[in-house]
Amino acid sequence: MEAQGDNLLQRLVEQERTLAGKVESAQSEATKIVDEARAEADKIAEDARKRADRIAEEERRAGAEAAETERSEIVARAKSDAESIHSRAEARRAAAAELVMERVLP
């Protein structure tokens, strides 16, 4: 009977070692999976950051181009208005000079 008890005890010890090995293996595998998941998450986050930076730069450039276009249009309109005013002033200069001469020198 004692031999049976020792044999049973040895089997329990061996099963405990086997289970402990399986637990250790599962923990190791779990750690590996978590590390891989973290690495993948870091890669996804980095890719998202790069994409966001690229989109922000594209939007900044588009905004700068739109602002430059608007500025150019405003400057062009101002130049056109100035030229129009200058042309009208030139056209009226002779008449103004004649009017001044009539009033100053009767």
Protein backbone atom coordinates (compact mmCIF):
# COMPACT_ATOMS: atom_id res chain seq x y z
CA MET A 1 0.00 0.00 0.00
CA GLU A 2 2.86 2.32 0.82
CA ALA A 3 4.31 1.65 -2.62
CA GLN A 4 1.01 2.64 -4.18
CA GLY A 5 1.00 5.88 -2.17
CA ASP A 6 4.56 6.68 -3.23
CA ASN A 7 3.70 5.91 -6.84
CA LEU A 8 0.60 8.12 -6.65
CA LEU A 9 2.63 10.88 -5.04
CA GLN A 10 5.26 10.64 -7.77
CA ARG A 11 2.57 10.89 -10.46
CA LEU A 12 1.08 13.94 -8.76
CA VAL A 13 4.52 15.56 -8.52
CA GLU A 14 5.15 14.79 -12.20
CA GLN A 15 1.74 16.19 -13.19
CA GLU A 16 2.45 19.31 -11.12
CA ARG A 17 5.80 19.75 -12.95
CA THR A 18 4.07 19.21 -16.29
CA LEU A 19 1.38 21.76 -15.42
CA ALA A 20 3.98 24.20 -14.11
CA GLY A 21 5.85 23.83 -17.41
CA LYS A 22 2.66 24.42 -19.36
CA VAL A 23 1.84 27.49 -17.25
CA GLU A 24 5.36 28.84 -17.76
CA SER A 25 5.09 28.17 -21.49
CA ALA A 26 1.67 29.87 -21.64
CA GLN A 27 3.02 32.89 -19.72
CA SER A 28 5.96 33.10 -22.08
CA GLU A 29 3.64 32.88 -25.10
CA ALA A 30 1.33 35.50 -23.58
CA THR A 31 4.29 37.84 -23.00
CA LYS A 32 5.40 37.33 -26.59
CA ILE A 33 1.89 38.05 -27.91
CA VAL A 34 1.61 41.19 -25.77
CA ASP A 35 5.03 42.40 -26.94
CA GLU A 36 4.07 41.79 -30.57
CA ALA A 37 0.76 43.60 -30.05
CA ARG A 38 2.57 46.57 -28.46
CA ALA A 39 5.04 46.69 -31.33
CA GLU A 40 2.21 46.59 -33.86
CA ALA A 41 0.30 49.29 -31.95
CA ASP A 42 3.43 51.46 -31.88
CA LYS A 43 3.86 50.97 -35.63
CA ILE A 44 0.22 51.84 -36.29
CA ALA A 45 0.49 54.92 -34.07
CA GLU A 46 3.70 56.02 -35.82
CA ASP A 47 2.11 55.49 -39.24
CA ALA A 48 -0.93 57.48 -38.11
CA ARG A 49 1.34 60.29 -36.83
CA LYS A 50 3.21 60.39 -40.12
CA ARG A 51 -0.05 60.43 -42.08
CA ALA A 52 -1.45 63.19 -39.87
CA ASP A 53 1.77 65.20 -40.30
CA ARG A 54 1.61 64.71 -44.07
CA ILE A 55 -2.04 65.77 -44.21
CA ALA A 56 -1.35 68.78 -41.98
CA GLU A 57 1.54 69.83 -44.25
CA GLU A 58 -0.64 69.41 -47.35
CA GLU A 59 -3.38 71.47 -45.73
CA ARG A 60 -0.86 74.12 -44.65
CA ARG A 61 0.49 74.31 -48.20
CA ALA A 62 -3.02 74.49 -49.65
CA GLY A 63 -3.89 77.27 -47.21
CA ALA A 64 -0.71 79.16 -48.05
CA GLU A 65 -1.40 78.79 -51.77
CA ALA A 66 -5.00 79.98 -51.31
CA ALA A 67 -3.77 82.96 -49.26
CA GLU A 68 -1.17 83.81 -51.91
CA THR A 69 -3.78 83.55 -54.66
CA GLU A 70 -6.13 85.81 -52.70
CA ARG A 71 -3.29 88.27 -52.00
CA SER A 72 -2.34 88.31 -55.68
CA GLU A 73 -5.93 88.95 -56.71
CA ILE A 74 -6.27 91.80 -54.20
CA VAL A 75 -2.99 93.36 -55.38
CA ALA A 76 -4.05 92.98 -59.02
CA ARG A 77 -7.42 94.66 -58.30
CA ALA A 78 -5.67 97.45 -56.40
CA LYS A 79 -3.24 98.01 -59.29
CA SER A 80 -6.11 98.00 -61.75
CA ASP A 81 -8.02 100.53 -59.64
CA ALA A 82 -4.90 102.69 -59.31
CA GLU A 83 -4.30 102.59 -63.06
CA SER A 84 -7.94 103.47 -63.69
CA ILE A 85 -7.72 106.42 -61.29
CA HIS A 86 -4.43 107.50 -62.84
CA SER A 87 -5.93 107.32 -66.35
CA ARG A 88 -8.93 109.40 -65.30
CA ALA A 89 -6.64 111.92 -63.60
CA GLU A 90 -4.47 112.17 -66.71
CA ALA A 91 -7.55 112.62 -68.87
CA ARG A 92 -8.78 115.45 -66.66
CA ARG A 93 -5.41 117.12 -66.17
CA ALA A 94 -5.58 119.15 -69.34
CA ALA A 95 -9.11 120.30 -68.55
CA ALA A 96 -8.07 121.17 -64.97
CA ALA A 97 -5.06 123.14 -66.20
CA GLU A 98 -7.24 125.02 -68.68
CA LEU A 99 -9.81 125.80 -65.94
CA VAL A 100 -7.06 127.07 -63.61
CA MET A 101 -5.66 129.26 -66.37
CA GLU A 102 -9.11 130.70 -67.08
CA ARG A 103 -9.67 131.55 -63.43
CA VAL A 104 -6.18 132.80 -62.63
CA LEU A 105 -5.58 134.62 -65.90
CA PRO A 106 -8.87 136.09 -67.12
